Amino acid sequence: MESGRFEAVLAALRSAADSDKAQECVGYMERNRDRMRYAEFRAAGLCVGSGVVESACKSIVGMRLKRSGMHWTVDGANYILALRCCIQSDRYEDFGAHRSTET
């Protein structure tokens, strides 16, 4: 949890978990405990919100694939998105190396 008090939050949920949905929530938190180390992630300078990813999806995917009149096959869309992601992240060499090994 944000404050590093994961166990306290989990204990509170367990004590209130009298419904199926509450039990689902407890199970989810227990299974994903390692992904919820927000204080540690922030201390390492990592982003813990979804806004950055959502923005990237809009600019990388939306600006390229959702233009007026565009129609894509799944393979074509996957190819162009892989290329676009490599270009936008300055890793174009990775794209060329990967694609040259495909048949």
Protein backbone atom coordinates (compact mmCIF):
# COMPACT_ATOMS: atom_id res chain seq x y z
CA MET A 1 0.00 0.00 0.00
CA GLU A 2 1.05 3.60 -0.38
CA SER A 3 2.09 3.98 3.24
CA GLY A 4 3.70 0.55 3.42
CA ARG A 5 0.97 -0.77 5.74
CA PHE A 6 -0.19 -3.60 3.52
CA GLU A 7 -0.75 -6.06 6.36
CA ALA A 8 -2.95 -3.64 8.30
CA VAL A 9 -5.14 -3.01 5.28
CA LEU A 10 -5.34 -6.72 4.51
CA ALA A 11 -6.31 -7.52 8.12
CA ALA A 12 -9.08 -4.91 7.99
CA LEU A 13 -10.39 -6.40 4.75
CA ARG A 14 -10.32 -9.91 6.17
CA SER A 15 -12.36 -8.85 9.19
CA ALA A 16 -14.97 -7.24 6.93
CA ALA A 17 -14.95 -9.97 4.30
CA ASP A 18 -18.45 -11.33 4.82
CA SER A 19 -19.43 -11.32 1.14
CA ASP A 20 -18.15 -13.09 -1.94
CA LYS A 21 -16.90 -9.80 -3.41
CA ALA A 22 -14.99 -8.95 -0.24
CA GLN A 23 -13.41 -12.42 -0.27
CA GLU A 24 -12.44 -11.87 -3.92
CA CYS A 25 -10.74 -8.62 -2.93
CA VAL A 26 -8.77 -10.32 -0.15
CA GLY A 27 -7.70 -13.07 -2.54
CA TYR A 28 -6.66 -10.55 -5.17
CA MET A 29 -4.56 -8.59 -2.69
CA GLU A 30 -2.90 -11.74 -1.36
CA ARG A 31 -2.05 -12.98 -4.88
CA ASN A 32 -0.75 -9.58 -5.99
CA ARG A 33 1.09 -8.55 -2.84
CA ASP A 34 4.42 -8.25 -4.69
CA ARG A 35 2.89 -5.82 -7.18
CA MET A 36 1.60 -3.49 -4.44
CA ARG A 37 4.88 -2.26 -2.99
CA TYR A 38 4.01 1.33 -3.88
CA ALA A 39 6.20 3.03 -1.28
CA GLU A 40 9.19 1.01 -2.45
CA PHE A 41 8.42 1.69 -6.11
CA ARG A 42 8.07 5.43 -5.52
CA ALA A 43 11.33 5.48 -3.54
CA ALA A 44 13.02 3.92 -6.58
CA GLY A 45 11.59 6.69 -8.76
CA LEU A 46 9.08 4.45 -10.55
CA CYS A 47 5.62 5.51 -11.65
CA VAL A 48 2.77 3.67 -9.91
CA GLY A 49 -0.20 5.24 -11.67
CA SER A 50 -1.85 4.25 -14.92
CA GLY A 51 -1.92 7.73 -16.43
CA VAL A 52 1.46 7.40 -18.14
CA VAL A 53 0.46 4.11 -19.76
CA GLU A 54 -2.95 5.43 -20.80
CA SER A 55 -1.34 8.48 -22.36
CA ALA A 56 1.18 6.33 -24.22
CA CYS A 57 -1.61 4.13 -25.54
CA LYS A 58 -3.44 7.17 -26.82
CA SER A 59 -0.40 8.66 -28.52
CA ILE A 60 1.25 5.46 -29.78
CA VAL A 61 -1.81 3.42 -30.72
CA GLY A 62 -4.54 5.95 -31.27
CA MET A 63 -2.58 8.42 -33.34
CA ARG A 64 -1.38 5.69 -35.71
CA LEU A 65 -4.15 3.11 -35.94
CA LYS A 66 -7.33 5.10 -35.43
CA ARG A 67 -7.05 7.64 -38.20
CA SER A 68 -9.97 8.20 -40.51
CA GLY A 69 -10.39 5.49 -43.12
CA MET A 70 -7.78 3.11 -41.69
CA HIS A 71 -8.43 -0.61 -41.70
CA TRP A 72 -5.97 -3.11 -40.25
CA THR A 73 -5.46 -6.83 -40.06
CA VAL A 74 -4.32 -8.06 -36.66
CA ASP A 75 -0.88 -8.95 -38.05
CA GLY A 76 -0.56 -5.58 -39.79
CA ALA A 77 -1.58 -3.65 -36.68
CA ASN A 78 0.81 -5.66 -34.48
CA TYR A 79 3.66 -5.05 -36.92
CA ILE A 80 3.12 -1.31 -37.22
CA LEU A 81 2.68 -0.92 -33.44
CA ALA A 82 5.89 -2.83 -32.75
CA LEU A 83 7.70 -0.56 -35.21
CA ARG A 84 6.14 2.59 -33.76
CA CYS A 85 7.01 1.59 -30.18
CA CYS A 86 10.63 0.91 -31.17
CA ILE A 87 10.90 4.25 -32.94
CA GLN A 88 9.28 6.20 -30.10
CA SER A 89 11.57 4.58 -27.52
CA ASP A 90 14.74 5.03 -29.63
CA ARG A 91 15.15 1.27 -29.96
CA TYR A 92 14.77 0.90 -33.72
CA GLU A 93 17.76 -1.47 -33.88
CA ASP A 94 15.83 -3.92 -31.67
CA PHE A 95 12.98 -3.98 -34.16
CA GLY A 96 15.24 -4.66 -37.12
CA ALA A 97 17.17 -7.39 -35.30
CA HIS A 98 13.96 -9.13 -34.21
CA ARG A 99 12.25 -8.90 -37.60
CA SER A 100 15.32 -10.13 -39.54
CA THR A 101 15.14 -13.49 -37.71
CA GLU A 102 11.49 -14.11 -38.65
CA THR A 103 10.58 -16.17 -41.68
